[in-house]
Amino acid sequence: MSLFLTGEFRHAIDDKMRFRIPVKLRLSLGEEPLITAGPDGSLLVMPYLDAANQIKDAFGDIKINSSSVSSKHLKEARLVLSSAFRASEDAQGRIVLPANLIKHASIKKNIVTIGMMGRVEIWAEEKWEAYLKQEVADSNVN
């Protein structure tokens, strides 16, 4: 059965860079979901096996000495794979975000967690607000 995650949740990250994935989303992600850098400065959270399969589908054609792989494709693979980690919760249900992902997402304090069908996205609140504002502006042009 495929996931169908939805909703927007606003919360803060604490001083030790810990946060909780909202229960409505967390229950579908299973134990130790994979978190990695995503598009537009977001972070992606997926059930580990789903993430592994999607990453293999997207980047499985990259061979060790392959000169046929595009530079863009190789850069995307490096970004996703180097930033990926299996998240585990502490006793209070919090996950510590690594510094490289905090930097990628420009997270300062407040974050927005959204359900995006088969994955969860985490955004710095400022980036999410700017994204929404731009999308509204773009839709008013058409």
Protein backbone atom coordinates (compact mmCIF):
# COMPACT_ATOMS: atom_id res chain seq x y z
CA MET A 1 0.00 0.00 0.00
CA SER A 2 1.45 3.38 -0.96
CA LEU A 3 1.57 6.32 1.42
CA PHE A 4 -0.67 9.32 1.11
CA LEU A 5 0.67 11.92 3.53
CA THR A 6 -0.91 15.38 3.70
CA GLY A 7 -1.10 18.43 5.91
CA GLU A 8 1.01 21.32 7.14
CA PHE A 9 2.47 21.46 10.64
CA ARG A 10 4.40 24.36 12.18
CA HIS A 11 6.78 23.93 15.05
CA ALA A 12 10.19 24.96 16.37
CA ILE A 13 13.51 23.22 16.43
CA ASP A 14 15.21 23.35 19.83
CA ASP A 15 18.66 24.69 20.72
CA LYS A 16 20.21 21.24 20.23
CA MET A 17 18.75 21.05 16.70
CA ARG A 18 16.14 18.48 17.68
CA PHE A 19 12.58 18.30 16.38
CA ARG A 20 9.63 15.95 16.32
CA ILE A 21 7.92 14.73 13.19
CA PRO A 22 4.19 15.22 13.82
CA VAL A 23 2.52 11.98 14.91
CA LYS A 24 0.07 12.03 11.99
CA LEU A 25 3.05 11.80 9.64
CA ARG A 26 5.54 9.84 11.75
CA LEU A 27 3.38 6.74 12.11
CA SER A 28 3.53 6.16 8.34
CA LEU A 29 7.29 6.65 8.09
CA GLY A 30 8.27 3.66 10.21
CA GLU A 31 11.32 3.33 12.39
CA GLU A 32 14.46 5.16 11.31
CA PRO A 33 13.20 6.97 8.22
CA LEU A 34 15.76 8.37 5.80
CA ILE A 35 16.26 12.14 5.80
CA THR A 36 18.18 13.83 3.00
CA ALA A 37 18.59 17.15 1.20
CA GLY A 38 15.68 17.91 -1.11
CA PRO A 39 14.81 20.40 -3.83
CA ASP A 40 14.29 24.13 -3.26
CA GLY A 41 16.15 24.03 0.07
CA SER A 42 13.80 21.48 1.63
CA LEU A 43 14.58 18.25 3.45
CA LEU A 44 12.97 14.97 2.43
CA VAL A 45 11.85 12.31 4.90
CA MET A 46 10.79 8.88 3.64
CA PRO A 47 10.42 5.36 4.95
CA TYR A 48 13.91 3.87 4.66
CA LEU A 49 13.10 1.12 2.13
CA ASP A 50 11.02 3.47 -0.04
CA ALA A 51 13.88 5.97 -0.06
CA ALA A 52 16.46 3.30 -0.90
CA ASN A 53 14.34 2.10 -3.84
CA GLN A 54 13.74 5.63 -5.15
CA ILE A 55 17.43 6.51 -4.86
CA LYS A 56 18.42 3.31 -6.67
CA ASP A 57 15.89 4.07 -9.41
CA ALA A 58 17.16 7.63 -9.78
CA PHE A 59 20.90 7.01 -9.53
CA GLY A 60 21.45 3.29 -10.03
CA ASP A 61 22.92 3.86 -13.48
CA ILE A 62 25.98 5.65 -12.09
CA LYS A 63 29.01 3.38 -12.36
CA ILE A 64 32.35 3.92 -10.62
CA ASN A 65 34.27 4.92 -13.76
CA SER A 66 31.39 5.97 -15.96
CA SER A 67 32.10 8.90 -18.22
CA SER A 68 28.63 8.58 -19.78
CA VAL A 69 26.82 10.00 -16.73
CA SER A 70 25.95 13.67 -17.00
CA SER A 71 27.67 16.07 -14.63
CA LYS A 72 24.28 17.28 -13.36
CA HIS A 73 23.10 13.74 -12.60
CA LEU A 74 26.33 12.97 -10.74
CA LYS A 75 26.04 16.19 -8.69
CA GLU A 76 22.44 15.37 -7.75
CA ALA A 77 23.46 11.88 -6.64
CA ARG A 78 26.30 13.26 -4.54
CA LEU A 79 24.03 15.78 -2.83
CA VAL A 80 21.31 13.25 -2.02
CA LEU A 81 23.60 10.40 -0.95
CA SER A 82 26.14 12.42 1.03
CA SER A 83 23.44 14.15 3.07
CA ALA A 84 21.25 11.07 3.68
CA PHE A 85 21.00 9.56 7.15
CA ARG A 86 18.75 7.14 8.99
CA ALA A 87 16.98 9.15 11.65
CA SER A 88 16.40 7.65 15.04
CA GLU A 89 14.34 9.18 17.80
CA ASP A 90 15.55 9.77 21.34
CA ALA A 91 13.47 8.74 24.36
CA GLN A 92 11.26 11.84 23.94
CA GLY A 93 10.60 11.19 20.24
CA ARG A 94 13.01 13.86 18.95
CA ILE A 95 15.39 13.61 16.01
CA VAL A 96 18.65 15.53 15.84
CA LEU A 97 19.26 17.16 12.46
CA PRO A 98 22.88 17.14 11.28
CA ALA A 99 24.57 20.49 10.64
CA ASN A 100 24.86 19.91 6.88
CA LEU A 101 21.07 19.50 6.54
CA ILE A 102 20.37 22.51 8.75
CA LYS A 103 22.63 24.53 6.47
CA HIS A 104 21.04 23.13 3.28
CA ALA A 105 17.55 24.07 4.50
CA SER A 106 18.63 27.39 6.11
CA ILE A 107 16.88 26.38 9.32
CA LYS A 108 17.14 28.87 12.15
CA LYS A 109 14.30 28.15 14.59
CA ASN A 110 10.83 27.60 13.12
CA ILE A 111 10.13 24.83 10.66
CA VAL A 112 7.17 23.71 8.59
CA THR A 113 6.60 20.00 8.03
CA ILE A 114 4.31 19.05 5.17
CA GLY A 115 2.92 15.76 3.95
CA MET A 116 3.73 15.26 0.27
CA MET A 117 2.02 11.98 -0.64
CA GLY A 118 4.83 9.41 -0.26
CA ARG A 119 7.19 11.63 1.68
CA VAL A 120 7.44 14.39 4.22
CA GLU A 121 9.15 17.68 3.48
CA ILE A 122 10.73 19.90 6.12
CA TRP A 123 11.19 23.60 5.37
CA ALA A 124 12.60 26.56 7.21
CA GLU A 125 9.49 28.64 7.92
CA GLU A 126 10.91 31.65 6.04
CA LYS A 127 11.67 29.58 2.94
CA TRP A 128 8.22 27.99 2.99
CA GLU A 129 6.52 31.39 3.27
CA ALA A 130 8.62 32.74 0.39
CA TYR A 131 7.81 29.67 -1.69
CA LEU A 132 4.07 30.07 -1.07
CA LYS A 133 4.21 33.78 -1.84
CA GLN A 134 6.01 33.11 -5.13
CA GLU A 135 3.55 30.38 -6.10
CA VAL A 136 0.60 32.73 -5.46
CA ALA A 137 2.30 35.46 -7.49
CA ASP A 138 2.99 33.03 -10.34
CA SER A 139 -0.61 31.77 -10.35
CA ASN A 140 -1.94 35.35 -10.52
CA VAL A 141 0.10 35.99 -13.70
CA ASN A 142 -1.64 33.22 -15.64
